[in-house]
């Protein structure tokens, strides 16, 4: 069997669809990554068929990647070859560390473990499938630029606290002009819960996914997270999405709240990472 690696081209699109990725979640993720980062993708061709595809999500100090090998071509060294090639290209472009995730599977864990990947954490993907109760709440409004210092502080402190709680290494993040501008650009996707002049909680969405939700550390446990979560779910449903999703790190007590409000466990993923530059 002759295997040839080549850079992805849009002409590969129809052939890649024939990979028959039966897992809708993986297929959508691959399609989105190929659409957003076509220059970062590599395909493996066996004779005239596409056997595998891999793509990383841009060039930065730390990035993520995903790859898929058709079941008929597994255990033949194609996955190893594709992974080595992706890693080589990423390292040559200055990427320091890579991350990938997959639905918990012992065979994948063993494959990546033999290639130097270490377990980072597990995270549960959840889908809302309940009915909403909308209690009265303090003012919830769209984000404005002047909110940035307070929103950044809430996100930094609450996620730092969560990571330490589940046993992950963590440090507080610092505000930056780059982040401020990125928040301003997606202001309509950031919801801020206020009481008088104080910001109590913030939620950020991407498409139908609640990307982040956080409550001021000294106000946690008082119901503000529930209020903002309910509002955010309703806002996304009102935008026409059929479902609302989120991720929650395994061990994060917030999962109890999500389940109480109608989110159901969809799948559990393992997140692993590897240093490319020593």
Protein backbone atom coordinates (compact mmCIF):
# COMPACT_ATOMS: atom_id res chain seq x y z
CA UNK A 1 0.00 0.00 0.00
CA UNK A 2 1.39 3.36 -1.07
CA UNK A 3 0.48 6.35 1.08
CA UNK A 4 1.01 9.91 -0.10
CA UNK A 5 0.66 13.01 2.06
CA UNK A 6 -0.34 16.31 0.50
CA UNK A 7 -1.58 19.70 1.57
CA UNK A 8 -5.33 20.02 1.72
CA UNK A 9 -7.11 21.76 -1.14
CA UNK A 10 -10.77 22.62 -1.45
CA UNK A 11 -10.95 20.11 -4.30
CA UNK A 12 -10.47 17.44 -1.65
CA UNK A 13 -13.81 18.34 -0.09
CA UNK A 14 -15.99 15.76 -1.81
CA UNK A 15 -13.41 13.00 -1.31
CA UNK A 16 -13.12 13.80 2.38
CA UNK A 17 -16.88 13.47 2.74
CA UNK A 18 -16.46 9.90 1.54
CA UNK A 19 -14.40 9.20 4.66
CA UNK A 20 -17.85 8.52 6.10
CA UNK A 21 -17.24 10.06 9.50
CA UNK A 22 -20.33 8.58 11.12
CA UNK A 23 -19.91 10.58 14.31
CA UNK A 24 -21.82 13.82 13.58
CA UNK A 25 -19.94 15.66 16.32
CA UNK A 26 -16.52 14.77 14.86
CA UNK A 27 -17.65 15.43 11.30
CA UNK A 28 -18.93 18.93 12.12
CA UNK A 29 -15.74 19.72 14.02
CA UNK A 30 -13.58 18.57 11.10
CA UNK A 31 -15.64 20.51 8.55
CA UNK A 32 -15.48 23.70 10.63
CA UNK A 33 -11.71 23.39 11.11
CA UNK A 34 -11.08 22.73 7.41
CA UNK A 35 -13.24 25.71 6.49
CA UNK A 36 -11.50 28.04 8.95
CA UNK A 37 -7.92 26.78 8.54
CA UNK A 38 -7.55 25.17 5.09
CA UNK A 39 -3.87 26.16 4.94
CA UNK A 40 -3.22 24.11 8.09
CA UNK A 41 -4.59 20.80 6.82
CA UNK A 42 -2.93 17.68 5.42
CA UNK A 43 -4.55 14.69 3.76
CA UNK A 44 -3.25 11.14 3.43
CA UNK A 45 -4.05 9.46 0.14
CA UNK A 46 -3.89 5.71 -0.41
CA UNK A 47 -3.89 5.05 -4.14
CA UNK A 48 -6.86 7.14 -5.32
CA UNK A 49 -8.71 7.29 -2.00
CA UNK A 50 -8.45 9.77 0.86
CA UNK A 51 -7.50 7.63 3.86
CA UNK A 52 -7.11 10.32 6.52
CA UNK A 53 -7.13 14.05 7.16
CA UNK A 54 -5.64 16.23 9.87
CA UNK A 55 -5.80 19.95 10.60
CA UNK A 56 -4.46 22.32 13.26
CA UNK A 57 -6.20 25.53 14.25
CA UNK A 58 -3.74 28.23 13.26
CA UNK A 59 -0.30 29.32 14.35
CA UNK A 60 0.20 30.51 17.91
CA UNK A 61 2.30 29.48 20.89
CA UNK A 62 -0.33 26.90 21.81
CA UNK A 63 -2.81 25.44 19.35
CA UNK A 64 -5.17 22.50 18.92
CA UNK A 65 -5.52 19.94 16.19
CA UNK A 66 -7.80 17.15 15.05
CA UNK A 67 -7.37 14.26 12.67
CA UNK A 68 -9.39 11.33 11.42
CA UNK A 69 -8.44 8.03 9.79
CA UNK A 70 -11.04 6.02 7.90
CA UNK A 71 -11.70 2.73 9.75
CA UNK A 72 -10.51 0.69 6.72
CA UNK A 73 -7.05 2.28 6.96
CA UNK A 74 -6.48 2.10 10.69
CA UNK A 75 -3.67 0.08 12.32
CA UNK A 76 -1.60 0.43 9.16
CA UNK A 77 0.67 3.28 10.28
CA UNK A 78 -1.25 6.00 8.43
CA UNK A 79 -2.37 7.74 11.62
CA UNK A 80 1.19 7.73 12.98
CA UNK A 81 2.57 9.13 9.73
CA UNK A 82 -0.05 11.86 9.55
CA UNK A 83 0.45 12.83 13.20
CA UNK A 84 4.27 13.02 12.82
CA UNK A 85 3.86 15.20 9.74
CA UNK A 86 1.40 17.54 11.46
CA UNK A 87 3.71 17.85 14.47
CA UNK A 88 6.74 18.56 12.25
CA UNK A 89 4.90 21.30 10.37
CA UNK A 90 3.56 22.86 13.57
CA UNK A 91 7.01 22.82 15.20
CA UNK A 92 8.60 24.41 12.10
CA UNK A 93 6.05 27.23 12.35
CA UNK A 94 7.01 27.91 15.97
CA UNK A 95 4.09 26.28 17.77
CA UNK A 96 5.26 25.37 21.28
CA UNK A 97 2.47 23.14 22.55
CA UNK A 98 -0.43 21.23 21.00
CA UNK A 99 -3.74 20.06 22.44
CA UNK A 100 -6.31 17.63 21.14
CA UNK A 101 -9.41 15.96 22.52
CA UNK A 102 -11.46 12.89 21.77
CA UNK A 103 -14.39 10.98 23.20
CA UNK A 104 -12.94 8.80 25.94
CA UNK A 105 -11.54 5.68 24.28
CA UNK A 106 -8.80 3.39 25.63
CA UNK A 107 -7.34 2.64 22.20
CA UNK A 108 -6.98 6.33 21.31
CA UNK A 109 -5.48 7.03 24.74
CA UNK A 110 -2.91 4.29 24.17
CA UNK A 111 -2.13 5.54 20.63
CA UNK A 112 -1.50 9.11 21.77
CA UNK A 113 0.23 8.04 24.99
CA UNK A 114 2.85 6.11 23.00
CA UNK A 115 3.52 9.31 21.09
CA UNK A 116 4.19 11.49 24.10
CA UNK A 117 0.76 12.96 24.81
CA UNK A 118 -0.18 13.43 28.45
CA UNK A 119 -3.64 13.61 29.96
CA UNK A 120 -4.65 17.17 30.82
CA UNK A 121 -8.28 16.93 31.95
CA UNK A 122 -11.67 15.51 31.05
CA UNK A 123 -14.65 17.61 30.06
CA UNK A 124 -18.32 16.79 29.58
CA UNK A 125 -20.26 18.06 26.58
CA UNK A 126 -23.85 18.86 27.52
CA UNK A 127 -26.96 19.70 25.50
CA UNK A 128 -29.98 21.62 26.79
CA UNK A 129 -33.18 19.67 26.39
CA UNK A 130 -35.40 20.99 29.16
CA UNK A 131 -38.02 23.68 29.60
CA UNK A 132 -37.14 27.13 30.81
CA UNK A 133 -38.35 28.92 33.88
CA UNK A 134 -37.52 32.59 33.69
CA UNK A 135 -37.41 34.12 37.19
CA UNK A 136 -37.20 37.86 37.63
CA UNK A 137 -33.63 39.09 37.69
CA UNK A 138 -31.44 42.15 37.96
CA UNK A 139 -30.67 43.86 34.69
CA UNK A 140 -29.08 41.64 32.04
CA UNK A 141 -27.73 43.59 29.12
CA UNK A 142 -25.29 43.47 26.26
CA UNK A 143 -21.61 44.05 26.88
CA UNK A 144 -20.07 47.47 26.31
CA UNK A 145 -16.41 48.39 26.08
CA UNK A 146 -16.30 50.06 29.50
CA UNK A 147 -17.25 46.69 31.05
CA UNK A 148 -13.96 45.11 30.06
CA UNK A 149 -11.92 45.57 33.28
CA UNK A 150 -14.74 44.11 35.42
CA UNK A 151 -15.60 41.29 33.02
CA UNK A 152 -11.95 40.32 32.62
CA UNK A 153 -11.52 40.20 36.39
CA UNK A 154 -14.62 38.02 36.88
CA UNK A 155 -13.54 35.56 34.18
CA UNK A 156 -9.94 35.41 35.39
CA UNK A 157 -10.74 34.90 39.07
CA UNK A 158 -13.64 32.48 38.66
CA UNK A 159 -11.91 30.21 36.13
CA UNK A 160 -8.72 30.29 38.18
CA UNK A 161 -10.70 29.16 41.20
CA UNK A 162 -12.42 26.41 39.19
CA UNK A 163 -9.17 25.06 37.77
CA UNK A 164 -7.59 24.86 41.21
CA UNK A 165 -10.72 23.12 42.53
CA UNK A 166 -10.47 20.32 39.94
CA UNK A 167 -6.72 19.93 40.45
CA UNK A 168 -5.39 21.77 37.39
CA UNK A 169 -2.44 24.13 37.40
CA UNK A 170 -3.62 27.70 37.07
CA UNK A 171 -2.70 31.35 37.32
CA UNK A 172 -4.71 34.53 37.03
CA UNK A 173 -4.84 35.98 33.52
CA UNK A 174 -3.90 39.61 32.93
CA UNK A 175 -5.99 42.09 30.95
CA UNK A 176 -4.74 42.91 27.47
CA UNK A 177 -5.59 45.29 24.68
CA UNK A 178 -5.88 42.38 22.25
CA UNK A 179 -8.49 40.72 24.45
CA UNK A 180 -10.36 43.97 24.99
CA UNK A 181 -10.68 44.48 21.25
CA UNK A 182 -11.79 40.88 20.72
CA UNK A 183 -14.50 41.27 23.37
CA UNK A 184 -15.69 44.50 21.78
CA UNK A 185 -15.87 42.82 18.38
CA UNK A 186 -18.23 40.14 19.71
CA UNK A 187 -20.12 42.38 22.16
CA UNK A 188 -23.52 41.09 21.01
CA UNK A 189 -22.47 37.61 22.14
CA UNK A 190 -21.58 38.67 25.68
CA UNK A 191 -24.31 39.00 28.32
CA UNK A 192 -23.69 40.92 31.53
CA UNK A 193 -25.79 40.61 34.69
CA UNK A 194 -25.81 43.82 36.72
CA UNK A 195 -27.19 45.00 40.02
CA UNK A 196 -27.16 48.77 40.20
CA UNK A 197 -23.58 49.70 39.22
CA UNK A 198 -22.05 46.30 39.99
CA UNK A 199 -21.40 43.50 37.47
CA UNK A 200 -22.31 40.19 39.10
CA UNK A 201 -21.84 37.67 36.28
CA UNK A 202 -20.96 37.34 32.60
CA UNK A 203 -21.72 34.81 29.86
CA UNK A 204 -20.11 34.49 26.42
CA UNK A 205 -21.54 32.50 23.51
CA UNK A 206 -20.25 31.24 20.18
CA UNK A 207 -23.01 30.19 17.85
CA UNK A 208 -25.27 27.84 19.82
CA UNK A 209 -22.61 27.12 22.46
CA UNK A 210 -22.27 28.84 25.83
CA UNK A 211 -18.51 29.28 25.72
CA UNK A 212 -18.03 30.82 29.17
CA UNK A 213 -20.19 31.69 32.14
CA UNK A 214 -18.79 33.08 35.37
CA UNK A 215 -19.99 34.74 38.56
CA UNK A 216 -18.03 37.18 40.71
CA UNK A 217 -16.19 35.02 43.23
CA UNK A 218 -17.70 36.61 46.35
CA UNK A 219 -21.21 36.40 44.86
CA UNK A 220 -21.17 32.71 43.94
CA UNK A 221 -23.83 30.45 45.41
CA UNK A 222 -26.47 33.18 45.48
CA UNK A 223 -28.39 32.20 42.33
CA UNK A 224 -26.83 34.68 39.91
CA UNK A 225 -25.36 31.92 37.76
CA UNK A 226 -28.78 30.30 37.42
CA UNK A 227 -30.35 33.62 36.41
CA UNK A 228 -27.76 34.38 33.76
CA UNK A 229 -27.67 30.82 32.44
CA UNK A 230 -31.46 30.77 32.00
CA UNK A 231 -31.34 34.12 30.20
CA UNK A 232 -28.51 32.98 27.92
CA UNK A 233 -30.24 29.73 26.97
CA UNK A 234 -33.43 31.63 26.11
CA UNK A 235 -31.48 34.19 24.06
CA UNK A 236 -29.89 31.43 21.97
CA UNK A 237 -33.19 29.64 21.46
CA UNK A 238 -34.73 32.97 20.44
CA UNK A 239 -31.95 33.30 17.85
CA UNK A 240 -33.34 30.18 16.20
CA UNK A 241 -30.93 27.50 17.40
CA UNK A 242 -32.47 24.07 17.90
CA UNK A 243 -30.16 23.22 20.79
CA UNK A 244 -27.84 24.93 23.24
CA UNK A 245 -24.58 23.28 24.27
CA UNK A 246 -21.76 23.83 26.73
CA UNK A 247 -18.67 22.12 28.12
CA UNK A 248 -17.98 21.58 31.82
CA UNK A 249 -14.67 20.32 33.20
CA UNK A 250 -15.10 17.05 35.08
CA UNK A 251 -15.17 17.81 38.80
CA UNK A 252 -16.60 21.31 38.37
CA UNK A 253 -19.59 21.55 40.77
CA UNK A 254 -21.36 23.79 38.23
CA UNK A 255 -22.38 20.62 36.38
CA UNK A 256 -25.05 20.09 39.05
CA UNK A 257 -26.57 23.47 38.16
CA UNK A 258 -26.50 22.71 34.44
CA UNK A 259 -28.25 19.39 34.96
CA UNK A 260 -30.84 21.02 37.24
CA UNK A 261 -31.67 23.53 34.49
CA UNK A 262 -32.17 20.83 31.87
CA UNK A 263 -28.76 20.13 30.33
CA UNK A 264 -28.09 16.46 29.58
CA UNK A 265 -24.71 14.75 29.29
CA UNK A 266 -23.93 14.13 25.63
CA UNK A 267 -20.35 12.82 25.66
CA UNK A 268 -17.21 12.79 27.81
CA UNK A 269 -13.95 13.91 26.21
CA UNK A 270 -10.33 13.43 27.18
CA UNK A 271 -8.06 16.44 26.60
CA UNK A 272 -4.36 15.73 26.12
CA UNK A 273 -1.36 17.91 25.37
CA UNK A 274 2.25 17.68 24.25
CA UNK A 275 5.21 20.05 24.13
CA UNK A 276 6.71 20.31 20.64
CA UNK A 277 9.51 22.66 21.68
CA UNK A 278 11.69 21.77 24.64
